[in-house]
C-alpha atoms as a PDB file:
ATOM      1  CA  MET A   1      -0.113   0.031   0.097  1.00  0.00           C
ATOM      2  CA  LEU A   2       2.967   2.340   0.982  1.00  0.00           C
ATOM      3  CA  LYS A   3       4.576   1.532  -2.140  1.00  0.00           C
ATOM      4  CA  SER A   4       1.411   2.146  -4.326  1.00  0.00           C
ATOM      5  CA  ARG A   5       1.201   5.717  -2.580  1.00  0.00           C
ATOM      6  CA  ALA A   6       4.639   6.520  -3.111  1.00  0.00           C
ATOM      7  CA  PHE A   7       4.489   5.447  -6.710  1.00  0.00           C
ATOM      8  CA  ARG A   8       1.312   7.502  -7.124  1.00  0.00           C
ATOM      9  CA  VAL A   9       2.952  10.644  -5.303  1.00  0.00           C
ATOM     10  CA  ALA A  10       6.147  10.246  -7.579  1.00  0.00           C
ATOM     11  CA  ILE A  11       3.969  10.108 -10.809  1.00  0.00           C
ATOM     12  CA  SER A  12       1.941  13.256 -10.048  1.00  0.00           C
ATOM     13  CA  VAL A  13       5.049  15.091  -8.908  1.00  0.00           C
ATOM     14  CA  ILE A  14       6.862  14.206 -12.378  1.00  0.00           C
ATOM     15  CA  ILE A  15       3.620  15.134 -14.242  1.00  0.00           C
ATOM     16  CA  SER A  16       3.618  18.604 -12.450  1.00  0.00           C
ATOM     17  CA  LEU A  17       7.342  19.050 -13.178  1.00  0.00           C
ATOM     18  CA  VAL A  18       6.557  18.192 -16.907  1.00  0.00           C
ATOM     19  CA  PHE A  19       3.801  20.792 -17.135  1.00  0.00           C
ATOM     20  CA  LEU A  20       5.886  23.443 -15.369  1.00  0.00           C
ATOM     21  CA  SER A  21       8.958  22.937 -17.703  1.00  0.00           C
ATOM     22  CA  PHE A  22       6.251  23.467 -20.802  1.00  0.00           C
ATOM     23  CA  ALA A  23       5.048  26.609 -18.940  1.00  0.00           C
ATOM     24  CA  VAL A  24       8.350  28.208 -18.331  1.00  0.00           C
ATOM     25  CA  ALA A  25      10.277  27.060 -21.196  1.00  0.00           C
ATOM     26  CA  GLY A  26      11.357  30.274 -22.963  1.00  0.00           C
ATOM     27  CA  VAL A  27      10.322  32.701 -20.277  1.00  0.00           C
ATOM     28  CA  ASP A  28      12.462  35.921 -20.185  1.00  0.00           C
ATOM     29  CA  TRP A  29      12.518  36.097 -16.313  1.00  0.00           C
ATOM     30  CA  ASN A  30      13.700  39.688 -16.436  1.00  0.00           C
ATOM     31  CA  GLU A  31      10.504  40.467 -18.299  1.00  0.00           C
ATOM     32  CA  ALA A  32       8.566  38.484 -15.978  1.00  0.00           C
ATOM     33  CA  TRP A  33       9.934  40.299 -12.884  1.00  0.00           C
ATOM     34  CA  GLU A  34       9.363  43.830 -14.600  1.00  0.00           C
ATOM     35  CA  ALA A  35       5.808  42.583 -14.901  1.00  0.00           C
ATOM     36  CA  MET A  36       5.615  41.798 -11.232  1.00  0.00           C
ATOM     37  CA  ALA A  37       6.983  45.073 -10.499  1.00  0.00           C
ATOM     38  CA  ARG A  38       4.350  46.778 -12.425  1.00  0.00           C
ATOM     39  CA  ALA A  39       1.560  44.849 -10.977  1.00  0.00           C
ATOM     40  CA  GLN A  40      -0.975  46.692  -8.842  1.00  0.00           C
ATOM     41  CA  TYR A  41      -0.996  44.565  -5.725  1.00  0.00           C
ATOM     42  CA  LEU A  42      -4.180  45.948  -4.036  1.00  0.00           C
ATOM     43  CA  TYR A  43      -6.025  43.706  -6.476  1.00  0.00           C
ATOM     44  CA  CYS A  44      -4.424  40.891  -4.418  1.00  0.00           C
ATOM     45  CA  ILE A  45      -7.119  41.564  -1.411  1.00  0.00           C
ATOM     46  CA  PRO A  46     -10.069  40.736  -3.502  1.00  0.00           C
ATOM     47  CA  MET A  47      -8.047  37.957  -5.039  1.00  0.00           C
ATOM     48  CA  THR A  48      -7.444  36.399  -1.742  1.00  0.00           C
ATOM     49  CA  LEU A  49     -10.914  36.926  -0.354  1.00  0.00           C
ATOM     50  CA  GLY A  50     -12.501  35.457  -3.534  1.00  0.00           C
ATOM     51  CA  ALA A  51     -10.449  32.352  -3.262  1.00  0.00           C
ATOM     52  CA  ALA A  52     -11.766  31.897   0.563  1.00  0.00           C
ATOM     53  CA  TRP A  53     -15.557  32.844  -0.368  1.00  0.00           C
ATOM     54  CA  GLN A  54     -15.686  30.297  -3.246  1.00  0.00           C
ATOM     55  CA  LEU A  55     -15.232  27.784  -0.520  1.00  0.00           C
ATOM     56  CA  TYR A  56     -18.403  28.989   1.256  1.00  0.00           C
ATOM     57  CA  ILE A  57     -20.263  28.733  -2.238  1.00  0.00           C
ATOM     58  CA  ARG A  58     -19.116  25.381  -2.738  1.00  0.00           C
ATOM     59  CA  ALA A  59     -20.520  24.315   0.902  1.00  0.00           C
ATOM     60  CA  GLN A  60     -23.865  26.158  -0.092  1.00  0.00           C
ATOM     61  CA  ARG A  61     -24.198  24.142  -3.293  1.00  0.00           C
ATOM     62  CA  TRP A  62     -23.156  20.780  -1.369  1.00  0.00           C
ATOM     63  CA  ARG A  63     -25.697  21.363   1.067  1.00  0.00           C
ATOM     64  CA  ILE A  64     -28.349  21.032  -1.772  1.00  0.00           C
ATOM     65  CA  LEU A  65     -26.491  18.024  -3.321  1.00  0.00           C
ATOM     66  CA  LEU A  66     -26.689  16.382   0.015  1.00  0.00           C
ATOM     67  CA  ARG A  67     -30.281  16.466   0.649  1.00  0.00           C
ATOM     68  CA  PRO A  68     -31.191  12.910  -0.436  1.00  0.00           C
ATOM     69  CA  VAL A  69     -28.739  11.582   1.972  1.00  0.00           C
ATOM     70  CA  GLY A  70     -29.188  13.772   4.908  1.00  0.00           C
ATOM     71  CA  THR A  71     -29.276  17.241   6.394  1.00  0.00           C
ATOM     72  CA  PRO A  72     -25.928  18.306   7.810  1.00  0.00           C
ATOM     73  CA  GLU A  73     -25.527  21.513   9.668  1.00  0.00           C
ATOM     74  CA  MET A  74     -24.032  24.356   7.392  1.00  0.00           C
ATOM     75  CA  LYS A  75     -21.145  25.028   9.677  1.00  0.00           C
ATOM     76  CA  THR A  76     -20.071  21.369   9.164  1.00  0.00           C
ATOM     77  CA  LEU A  77     -19.980  21.632   5.593  1.00  0.00           C
ATOM     78  CA  VAL A  78     -18.125  25.020   5.560  1.00  0.00           C
ATOM     79  CA  ALA A  79     -15.475  23.464   8.011  1.00  0.00           C
ATOM     80  CA  ALA A  80     -15.174  20.132   5.729  1.00  0.00           C
ATOM     81  CA  THR A  81     -15.052  22.043   2.633  1.00  0.00           C
ATOM     82  CA  ASN A  82     -12.274  24.451   3.847  1.00  0.00           C
ATOM     83  CA  ILE A  83     -10.130  21.617   5.436  1.00  0.00           C
ATOM     84  CA  GLY A  84     -10.553  19.650   2.316  1.00  0.00           C
ATOM     85  CA  PHE A  85      -9.640  22.031  -0.093  1.00  0.00           C
ATOM     86  CA  MET A  86      -6.748  23.128   1.967  1.00  0.00           C
ATOM     87  CA  ALA A  87      -5.472  19.489   2.151  1.00  0.00           C
ATOM     88  CA  ASN A  88      -5.666  19.504  -1.865  1.00  0.00           C
ATOM     89  CA  MET A  89      -3.182  22.334  -1.775  1.00  0.00           C
ATOM     90  CA  VAL A  90      -0.532  20.858   0.776  1.00  0.00           C
ATOM     91  CA  LEU A  91      -1.166  17.085   0.386  1.00  0.00           C
ATOM     92  CA  PRO A  92      -0.661  14.585  -2.188  1.00  0.00           C
ATOM     93  CA  LEU A  93      -3.130  12.716  -4.324  1.00  0.00           C
ATOM     94  CA  ARG A  94      -6.225  15.026  -3.869  1.00  0.00           C
ATOM     95  CA  VAL A  95      -6.661  13.338  -0.457  1.00  0.00           C
ATOM     96  CA  GLY A  96      -8.987  16.618   0.479  1.00  0.00           C
ATOM     97  CA  GLU A  97     -11.895  14.892  -1.787  1.00  0.00           C
ATOM     98  CA  VAL A  98     -11.734  12.070   0.779  1.00  0.00           C
ATOM     99  CA  ILE A  99     -11.364  14.137   3.898  1.00  0.00           C
ATOM    100  CA  ARG A 100     -14.484  16.538   3.207  1.00  0.00           C
ATOM    101  CA  PRO A 101     -17.153  13.397   3.033  1.00  0.00           C
ATOM    102  CA  VAL A 102     -15.196  11.727   6.125  1.00  0.00           C
ATOM    103  CA  LEU A 103     -15.527  14.717   8.192  1.00  0.00           C
ATOM    104  CA  VAL A 104     -19.096  15.421   7.517  1.00  0.00           C
ATOM    105  CA  SER A 105     -19.972  11.736   7.971  1.00  0.00           C
ATOM    106  CA  ARG A 106     -18.227  11.537  11.279  1.00  0.00           C
ATOM    107  CA  GLN A 107     -19.600  14.861  12.592  1.00  0.00           C
ATOM    108  CA  GLU A 108     -23.220  14.343  11.229  1.00  0.00           C
ATOM    109  CA  LYS A 109     -23.464  10.157  11.675  1.00  0.00           C
ATOM    110  CA  GLU A 110     -24.369  10.276   8.029  1.00  0.00           C
ATOM    111  CA  PRO A 111     -23.446   7.295   5.861  1.00  0.00           C
ATOM    112  CA  LEU A 112     -20.115   7.801   4.067  1.00  0.00           C
ATOM    113  CA  GLY A 113     -21.013   5.959   0.981  1.00  0.00           C
ATOM    114  CA  GLY A 114     -23.728   8.205  -0.084  1.00  0.00           C
ATOM    115  CA  ILE A 115     -21.840  11.365   0.906  1.00  0.00           C
ATOM    116  CA  LEU A 116     -18.977  10.259  -1.094  1.00  0.00           C
ATOM    117  CA  ALA A 117     -21.274   9.981  -4.185  1.00  0.00           C
ATOM    118  CA  THR A 118     -22.407  13.560  -3.808  1.00  0.00           C
ATOM    119  CA  ILE A 119     -18.505  14.506  -4.390  1.00  0.00           C
ATOM    120  CA  VAL A 120     -18.842  12.776  -7.701  1.00  0.00           C
ATOM    121  CA  LEU A 121     -22.117  14.418  -8.415  1.00  0.00           C
ATOM    122  CA  GLU A 122     -20.440  17.716  -7.743  1.00  0.00           C
ATOM    123  CA  ARG A 123     -17.683  16.849  -9.884  1.00  0.00           C
ATOM    124  CA  VAL A 124     -20.222  16.332 -12.870  1.00  0.00           C
ATOM    125  CA  PHE A 125     -21.818  19.722 -12.177  1.00  0.00           C
ATOM    126  CA  ASP A 126     -18.300  21.452 -12.125  1.00  0.00           C
ATOM    127  CA  VAL A 127     -17.443  19.639 -15.390  1.00  0.00           C
ATOM    128  CA  PHE A 128     -20.719  20.430 -16.988  1.00  0.00           C
ATOM    129  CA  THR A 129     -20.210  24.092 -15.956  1.00  0.00           C
ATOM    130  CA  ILE A 130     -16.681  24.534 -17.009  1.00  0.00           C
ATOM    131  CA  LEU A 131     -17.511  22.931 -20.466  1.00  0.00           C
ATOM    132  CA  ALA A 132     -20.450  25.130 -21.096  1.00  0.00           C
ATOM    133  CA  LEU A 133     -18.897  28.316 -19.980  1.00  0.00           C
ATOM    134  CA  PHE A 134     -15.871  27.466 -22.087  1.00  0.00           C
ATOM    135  CA  GLY A 135     -18.084  26.861 -25.373  1.00  0.00           C
ATOM    136  CA  LEU A 136     -20.142  29.864 -24.935  1.00  0.00           C
ATOM    137  CA  THR A 137     -17.445  32.261 -24.325  1.00  0.00           C
ATOM    138  CA  THR A 138     -15.196  30.894 -27.196  1.00  0.00           C
ATOM    139  CA  ALA A 139     -18.318  31.394 -29.516  1.00  0.00           C
ATOM    140  CA  LEU A 140     -18.487  34.813 -28.745  1.00  0.00           C
ATOM    141  CA  LEU A 141     -14.758  35.904 -28.529  1.00  0.00           C
ATOM    142  CA  PRO A 142     -12.792  36.759 -31.686  1.00  0.00           C
ATOM    143  CA  VAL A 143     -10.367  33.711 -31.305  1.00  0.00           C
ATOM    144  CA  SER A 144      -9.186  31.430 -33.988  1.00  0.00           C
ATOM    145  CA  GLU A 145     -11.546  29.099 -35.627  1.00  0.00           C
ATOM    146  CA  THR A 146      -9.626  26.021 -34.240  1.00  0.00           C
ATOM    147  CA  VAL A 147     -10.488  27.283 -30.603  1.00  0.00           C
ATOM    148  CA  THR A 148     -14.148  28.067 -31.521  1.00  0.00           C
ATOM    149  CA  ARG A 149     -14.625  24.280 -32.903  1.00  0.00           C
ATOM    150  CA  THR A 150     -13.024  23.048 -29.703  1.00  0.00           C
ATOM    151  CA  GLY A 151     -15.321  25.251 -27.719  1.00  0.00           C
ATOM    152  CA  TYR A 152     -18.111  23.935 -29.384  1.00  0.00           C
ATOM    153  CA  GLY A 153     -17.084  20.473 -29.107  1.00  0.00           C
ATOM    154  CA  LEU A 154     -16.858  20.951 -25.202  1.00  0.00           C
ATOM    155  CA  LEU A 155     -20.051  22.521 -25.223  1.00  0.00           C
ATOM    156  CA  ALA A 156     -21.492  19.326 -26.780  1.00  0.00           C
ATOM    157  CA  MET A 157     -19.692  17.290 -24.472  1.00  0.00           C
ATOM    158  CA  ALA A 158     -21.276  19.211 -21.683  1.00  0.00           C
ATOM    159  CA  THR A 159     -24.634  18.432 -23.009  1.00  0.00           C
ATOM    160  CA  LEU A 160     -23.756  14.835 -23.093  1.00  0.00           C
ATOM    161  CA  ILE A 161     -22.778  14.855 -19.559  1.00  0.00           C
ATOM    162  CA  ALA A 162     -26.173  16.443 -18.568  1.00  0.00           C
ATOM    163  CA  GLY A 163     -28.028  13.854 -20.415  1.00  0.00           C
ATOM    164  CA  GLY A 164     -25.939  10.751 -18.852  1.00  0.00           C
ATOM    165  CA  ALA A 165     -27.079  12.212 -15.501  1.00  0.00           C
ATOM    166  CA  ILE A 166     -30.376  12.636 -16.457  1.00  0.00           C
ATOM    167  CA  PHE A 167     -30.538   8.960 -17.833  1.00  0.00           C
ATOM    168  CA  ILE A 168     -28.955   7.465 -14.894  1.00  0.00           C
ATOM    169  CA  ARG A 169     -31.635   9.033 -12.695  1.00  0.00           C
ATOM    170  CA  TRP A 170     -34.644   8.316 -14.488  1.00  0.00           C
ATOM    171  CA  GLN A 171     -33.616   4.811 -16.014  1.00  0.00           C
ATOM    172  CA  GLU A 172     -31.833   3.597 -13.066  1.00  0.00           C
ATOM    173  CA  ALA A 173     -32.553  -0.088 -13.607  1.00  0.00           C
ATOM    174  CA  THR A 174     -31.176   0.156 -16.978  1.00  0.00           C
ATOM    175  CA  ALA A 175     -28.236   2.063 -15.879  1.00  0.00           C
ATOM    176  CA  LEU A 176     -27.511  -0.626 -13.073  1.00  0.00           C
ATOM    177  CA  SER A 177     -28.017  -3.615 -15.690  1.00  0.00           C
ATOM    178  CA  LEU A 178     -25.407  -1.826 -17.954  1.00  0.00           C
ATOM    179  CA  LEU A 179     -22.946  -1.507 -15.136  1.00  0.00           C
ATOM    180  CA  ARG A 180     -23.328  -4.904 -13.874  1.00  0.00           C
ATOM    181  CA  TRP A 181     -22.683  -6.338 -17.447  1.00  0.00           C
ATOM    182  CA  GLY A 182     -19.620  -4.055 -17.787  1.00  0.00           C
ATOM    183  CA  LEU A 183     -18.298  -5.417 -14.530  1.00  0.00           C
ATOM    184  CA  ARG A 184     -18.680  -9.202 -15.466  1.00  0.00           C
ATOM    185  CA  PRO A 185     -15.145  -9.736 -16.272  1.00  0.00           C
ATOM    186  CA  VAL A 186     -14.085  -7.810 -13.035  1.00  0.00           C
ATOM    187  CA  PRO A 187     -13.253  -9.590  -9.833  1.00  0.00           C
ATOM    188  CA  SER A 188     -15.826  -9.485  -7.040  1.00  0.00           C
ATOM    189  CA  ASN A 189     -13.444  -7.765  -4.752  1.00  0.00           C
ATOM    190  CA  LEU A 190     -13.430  -4.738  -7.009  1.00  0.00           C
ATOM    191  CA  SER A 191     -16.932  -4.915  -8.753  1.00  0.00           C
ATOM    192  CA  GLU A 192     -18.954  -4.873  -5.446  1.00  0.00           C
ATOM    193  CA  PRO A 193     -17.429  -1.525  -3.951  1.00  0.00           C
ATOM    194  CA  ILE A 194     -18.130  -0.145  -7.518  1.00  0.00           C
ATOM    195  CA  GLU A 195     -21.817  -1.232  -7.494  1.00  0.00           C
ATOM    196  CA  LYS A 196     -22.154   0.065  -4.038  1.00  0.00           C
ATOM    197  CA  PHE A 197     -20.707   3.379  -5.089  1.00  0.00           C
ATOM    198  CA  PHE A 198     -22.897   3.479  -7.982  1.00  0.00           C
ATOM    199  CA  GLY A 199     -25.885   2.896  -5.747  1.00  0.00           C
ATOM    200  CA  GLY A 200     -25.090   5.984  -3.635  1.00  0.00           C
ATOM    201  CA  PHE A 201     -24.445   8.030  -6.686  1.00  0.00           C
ATOM    202  CA  VAL A 202     -27.941   7.155  -7.996  1.00  0.00           C
ATOM    203  CA  GLN A 203     -29.220   7.909  -4.471  1.00  0.00           C
ATOM    204  CA  ALA A 204     -27.363  11.385  -4.642  1.00  0.00           C
ATOM    205  CA  LEU A 205     -28.982  11.936  -8.309  1.00  0.00           C
ATOM    206  CA  HIS A 206     -32.360  11.962  -6.508  1.00  0.00           C
ATOM    207  CA  VAL A 207     -31.996  15.535  -6.030  1.00  0.00           C
ATOM    208  CA  LEU A 208     -32.779  15.813  -9.566  1.00  0.00           C
ATOM    209  CA  GLU A 209     -36.567  14.954  -8.850  1.00  0.00           C
ATOM    210  CA  SER A 210     -37.285  18.443  -8.061  1.00  0.00           C
ATOM    211  CA  PRO A 211     -36.770  20.877 -10.976  1.00  0.00           C
ATOM    212  CA  GLY A 212     -36.411  23.706  -8.426  1.00  0.00           C
ATOM    213  CA  GLU A 213     -33.680  22.103  -6.778  1.00  0.00           C
ATOM    214  CA  MET A 214     -31.844  21.232  -9.909  1.00  0.00           C
ATOM    215  CA  VAL A 215     -32.137  24.786 -11.187  1.00  0.00           C
ATOM    216  CA  ARG A 216     -30.683  26.027  -7.783  1.00  0.00           C
ATOM    217  CA  ILE A 217     -27.687  23.559  -8.281  1.00  0.00           C
ATOM    218  CA  VAL A 218     -26.957  24.881 -11.725  1.00  0.00           C
ATOM    219  CA  ALA A 219     -27.141  28.356 -10.434  1.00  0.00           C
ATOM    220  CA  TRP A 220     -24.864  28.026  -7.761  1.00  0.00           C
ATOM    221  CA  SER A 221     -22.675  26.262 -10.055  1.00  0.00           C
ATOM    222  CA  PHE A 222     -22.539  28.965 -12.454  1.00  0.00           C
ATOM    223  CA  PHE A 223     -22.127  31.300  -9.662  1.00  0.00           C
ATOM    224  CA  LEU A 224     -19.301  29.672  -8.459  1.00  0.00           C
ATOM    225  CA  TRP A 225     -17.505  29.632 -11.412  1.00  0.00           C
ATOM    226  CA  LEU A 226     -18.392  33.215 -12.279  1.00  0.00           C
ATOM    227  CA  VAL A 227     -16.951  34.339  -8.859  1.00  0.00           C
ATOM    228  CA  LEU A 228     -13.778  32.253  -9.723  1.00  0.00           C
ATOM    229  CA  SER A 229     -13.576  34.097 -13.206  1.00  0.00           C
ATOM    230  CA  ALA A 230     -13.737  37.537 -11.130  1.00  0.00           C
ATOM    231  CA  VAL A 231     -10.836  36.564  -9.173  1.00  0.00           C
ATOM    232  CA  PHE A 232      -8.969  35.969 -12.629  1.00  0.00           C
ATOM    233  CA  GLY A 233     -10.162  39.175 -13.762  1.00  0.00           C
ATOM    234  CA  CYS A 234      -8.904  40.928 -10.800  1.00  0.00           C
ATOM    235  CA  ALA A 235      -5.377  39.457 -11.838  1.00  0.00           C
ATOM    236  CA  ILE A 236      -5.787  40.685 -15.299  1.00  0.00           C
ATOM    237  CA  LEU A 237      -6.528  44.094 -14.300  1.00  0.00           C
ATOM    238  CA  ALA A 238      -3.489  43.736 -11.751  1.00  0.00           C
ATOM    239  CA  PHE A 239      -1.262  43.151 -14.651  1.00  0.00           C
ATOM    240  CA  HIS A 240      -2.855  45.491 -17.213  1.00  0.00           C
ATOM    241  CA  LEU A 241      -3.278  42.436 -19.632  1.00  0.00           C
ATOM    242  CA  PRO A 242      -4.835  43.060 -23.237  1.00  0.00           C
ATOM    243  CA  VAL A 243      -7.584  40.464 -22.181  1.00  0.00           C
ATOM    244  CA  PRO A 244     -11.656  41.328 -22.530  1.00  0.00           C
ATOM    245  CA  ILE A 245     -12.151  41.409 -18.618  1.00  0.00           C
ATOM    246  CA  ILE A 246     -15.542  39.617 -18.561  1.00  0.00           C
ATOM    247  CA  LEU A 247     -15.518  37.045 -21.325  1.00  0.00           C
ATOM    248  CA  GLY A 248     -11.580  36.820 -21.342  1.00  0.00           C
ATOM    249  CA  SER A 249     -11.493  36.059 -17.657  1.00  0.00           C
ATOM    250  CA  ILE A 250     -14.249  33.355 -17.941  1.00  0.00           C
ATOM    251  CA  ALA A 251     -12.360  31.750 -20.792  1.00  0.00           C
ATOM    252  CA  VAL A 252      -9.000  31.651 -18.940  1.00  0.00           C
ATOM    253  CA  THR A 253     -10.605  30.470 -15.689  1.00  0.00           C
ATOM    254  CA  THR A 254     -12.099  27.374 -17.517  1.00  0.00           C
ATOM    255  CA  ILE A 255      -8.901  26.804 -19.322  1.00  0.00           C
ATOM    256  CA  VAL A 256      -7.022  26.726 -15.872  1.00  0.00           C
ATOM    257  CA  ALA A 257      -9.754  24.445 -14.393  1.00  0.00           C
ATOM    258  CA  ILE A 258      -9.448  22.056 -17.013  1.00  0.00           C
ATOM    259  CA  ALA A 259      -5.699  22.137 -16.809  1.00  0.00           C
ATOM    260  CA  VAL A 260      -5.563  21.466 -13.005  1.00  0.00           C
ATOM    261  CA  SER A 261      -8.002  18.503 -13.566  1.00  0.00           C
ATOM    262  CA  ALA A 262      -4.925  16.512 -14.605  1.00  0.00           C
ATOM    263  CA  PRO A 263      -2.978  14.546 -11.722  1.00  0.00           C
ATOM    264  CA  SER A 264      -0.288  16.940 -10.246  1.00  0.00           C
ATOM    265  CA  ALA A 265       1.733  17.748  -7.206  1.00  0.00           C
ATOM    266  CA  PRO A 266      -0.144  19.317  -4.300  1.00  0.00           C
ATOM    267  CA  GLY A 267      -1.454  22.885  -4.726  1.00  0.00           C
ATOM    268  CA  PHE A 268      -1.599  22.165  -8.689  1.00  0.00           C
ATOM    269  CA  ILE A 269       1.913  23.477  -9.213  1.00  0.00           C
ATOM    270  CA  GLY A 270       2.723  23.334 -12.940  1.00  0.00           C
ATOM    271  CA  THR A 271      -0.917  22.425 -14.220  1.00  0.00           C
ATOM    272  CA  PHE A 272      -2.025  25.731 -12.906  1.00  0.00           C
ATOM    273  CA  GLN A 273       0.936  27.709 -14.651  1.00  0.00           C
ATOM    274  CA  LEU A 274       0.405  25.983 -17.888  1.00  0.00           C
ATOM    275  CA  GLY A 275      -3.289  26.618 -18.021  1.00  0.00           C
ATOM    276  CA  CYS A 276      -2.801  30.292 -17.337  1.00  0.00           C
ATOM    277  CA  TRP A 277      -0.304  30.585 -20.134  1.00  0.00           C
ATOM    278  CA  LEU A 278      -2.556  28.570 -22.599  1.00  0.00           C
ATOM    279  CA  GLY A 279      -5.484  30.588 -21.392  1.00  0.00           C
ATOM    280  CA  LEU A 280      -3.794  34.226 -21.874  1.00  0.00           C
ATOM    281  CA  GLN A 281      -2.192  33.123 -25.036  1.00  0.00           C
ATOM    282  CA  LEU A 282      -5.436  33.086 -26.879  1.00  0.00           C
ATOM    283  CA  PHE A 283      -5.371  36.833 -26.370  1.00  0.00           C
ATOM    284  CA  GLY A 284      -1.846  37.491 -27.507  1.00  0.00           C
ATOM    285  CA  VAL A 285      -0.303  38.053 -23.841  1.00  0.00           C
ATOM    286  CA  GLU A 286       3.217  37.271 -23.939  1.00  0.00           C
ATOM    287  CA  GLN A 287       4.592  34.188 -21.999  1.00  0.00           C
ATOM    288  CA  SER A 288       6.641  36.126 -19.459  1.00  0.00           C
ATOM    289  CA  ASP A 289       3.560  38.476 -18.535  1.00  0.00           C
ATOM    290  CA  ALA A 290       1.273  35.314 -18.492  1.00  0.00           C
ATOM    291  CA  ILE A 291       3.703  33.378 -16.053  1.00  0.00           C
ATOM    292  CA  ALA A 292       4.029  36.641 -13.984  1.00  0.00           C
ATOM    293  CA  CYS A 293       0.617  36.733 -13.538  1.00  0.00           C
ATOM    294  CA  SER A 294       0.075  33.175 -12.709  1.00  0.00           C
ATOM    295  CA  ILE A 295       2.470  33.116 -10.097  1.00  0.00           C
ATOM    296  CA  VAL A 296       0.534  35.926  -8.089  1.00  0.00           C
ATOM    297  CA  LEU A 297      -2.636  34.374  -9.043  1.00  0.00           C
ATOM    298  CA  HIS A 298      -1.631  31.032  -7.659  1.00  0.00           C
ATOM    299  CA  VAL A 299      -0.034  32.591  -4.461  1.00  0.00           C
ATOM    300  CA  THR A 300      -3.170  34.297  -3.616  1.00  0.00           C
ATOM    301  CA  GLN A 301      -5.560  31.358  -4.168  1.00  0.00           C
ATOM    302  CA  PHE A 302      -2.990  29.412  -1.867  1.00  0.00           C
ATOM    303  CA  VAL A 303      -3.171  32.110   0.738  1.00  0.00           C
ATOM    304  CA  GLY A 304      -7.121  32.265   0.582  1.00  0.00           C
ATOM    305  CA  VAL A 305      -7.952  28.599   0.679  1.00  0.00           C
ATOM    306  CA  VAL A 306      -5.002  27.492   3.133  1.00  0.00           C
ATOM    307  CA  GLY A 307      -6.024  30.351   5.348  1.00  0.00           C
ATOM    308  CA  ALA A 308      -9.692  29.306   5.476  1.00  0.00           C
ATOM    309  CA  GLY A 309      -8.553  25.817   5.978  1.00  0.00           C
ATOM    310  CA  LEU A 310      -6.341  26.554   8.990  1.00  0.00           C
ATOM    311  CA  TYR A 311      -8.923  28.659  10.529  1.00  0.00           C
ATOM    312  CA  SER A 312     -11.453  25.809  10.392  1.00  0.00           C
ATOM    313  CA  LEU A 313      -8.811  23.098  11.519  1.00  0.00           C
ATOM    314  CA  ALA A 314      -8.421  25.571  14.733  1.00  0.00           C
ATOM    315  CA  ARG A 315     -12.213  25.770  15.150  1.00  0.00           C
ATOM    316  CA  GLN A 316     -12.450  21.919  15.289  1.00  0.00           C
ATOM    317  CA  GLY A 317      -9.392  21.407  17.488  1.00  0.00           C
ATOM    318  CA  MET A 318      -7.621  19.013  14.772  1.00  0.00           C
ATOM    319  CA  SER A 319      -4.212  19.129  13.148  1.00  0.00           C
ATOM    320  CA  LEU A 320      -3.953  18.292   9.570  1.00  0.00           C
ATOM    321  CA  ARG A 321      -2.245  15.212  10.350  1.00  0.00           C
ATOM    322  CA  GLN A 322      -5.074  13.856  12.433  1.00  0.00           C
ATOM    323  CA  VAL A 323      -7.553  14.701   9.785  1.00  0.00           C
ATOM    324  CA  GLU A 324      -5.545  12.777   7.140  1.00  0.00           C
ATOM    325  CA  GLU A 325      -5.191   9.600   9.294  1.00  0.00           C
ATOM    326  CA  VAL A 326      -9.201   9.680   9.997  1.00  0.00           C
ATOM    327  CA  ALA A 327      -9.668   9.920   6.226  1.00  0.00           C
ATOM    328  CA  GLU A 328      -7.270   6.989   5.827  1.00  0.00           C
ATOM    329  CA  VAL A 329      -9.133   4.804   8.025  1.00  0.00           C
ATOM    330  CA  ASP A 330     -12.673   5.578   7.119  1.00  0.00           C
ATOM    331  CA  GLY A 331     -11.837   5.744   3.543  1.00  0.00           C
ATOM    332  CA  LYS A 332     -10.588   2.137   3.814  1.00  0.00           C
ATOM    333  CA  ALA A 333     -13.766   1.251   5.492  1.00  0.00           C
ATOM    334  CA  ALA A 334     -16.054   2.605   2.801  1.00  0.00           C
END
């Protein structure tokens, strides 16, 4: 187990280093430092506050997703979200995605399997929102035909994701039969946990029974990513970059979100920088300016998220190591 974990950590670090090398290859560091010297750092205040606020927005949305499973208190969800996302910043293997549901399960005495399934459902809504926003913005922005076609393709993918979730919800028996058919060649020690998890995911999808609840989840999802886009917009303003402030901020945010979804070292080092550079490159921003902007933006995100996590850890009277140990024990049991 330890060897497997060490191997996965090593692979994630290597991937981060590869992405980082692509991002910074050819950067004129003198120009990058000059860009950082010219930046208006007052914008770092809303950037840092926005990084913390988006965690509260995530907790609000998570509360709706959890309704078919249970009714945790808001303070529990906020603390779990803060600590979980901080863990993703400082610990390997995105362990925060397990820490969040474990903390809620322990605090509220709710079944862990169902809560874990809502994390997957949360990611489904995130992916749908990111792809939809990217597709819409690239259709409206004066970018290359290749980027526009990519945007339309991702918009179509977002539609398929939404359709898949709806199919599973209203055709549960058929979806379960298809899953069992696909798992026939898989050993029972692997197929049974997958089937159990799928059952929890289907239970979490019951939130889609109410059109009003689904609209609220979609609205919270778009609000979340628009707030994050506003954070990126502050960075664009701070560095005086030639990027359309509204649509450009949304496009860059979605590209960075897609980039950081790849396996990477803690804190999304490398993937974050590459995503920023690729996103800003669409608008003709020089690589040195893009990397300088990404560094400041990344630091403010780190400070905002880790600061919120440390605050919640102090309120819970726990250390990060204790939280990680709890997640390891309960995660294996689930």
